[in-house]
Amino acid sequence: MSQIPHLLVHEHADNVGVVVVEGLTAGTEMLVCVTHDNSTFTLTAKADVPIGHKVALKDLKAGDTAMKYGEDIGKIIADIGQGEHVHTHNCKTKRW
């Protein structure tokens, strides 16, 4: 497995991480780095996810709050499995 992280997470309380590599494909065992303390863990990507997009770190249910960088970034509107793509089809901003 690569020693270069595939996914960055800021806080341990976050439930989504950001893809930081091009060409992430379903089935990839991702190296995930928590930047708060540089700890790492692995997670399997369940979908192809573009760079800059989010991945669920755990199973999320409709109505849950998406947490990234220690901040509330939106409301989950459809169930998302661990390792799946988090985007506008299943997460909506609360800003408007």
Foldseek 3Di string as FASTA:
>chain_A
DDPDFQWEAADPPAFKTFGADAFDAAQDFGWYAHNPVRDTDTFGAHGTDGGGWIFTQAWDAFQDFGAGNNDGAFTFHHTHHHNYTDDPVGTDGPPD
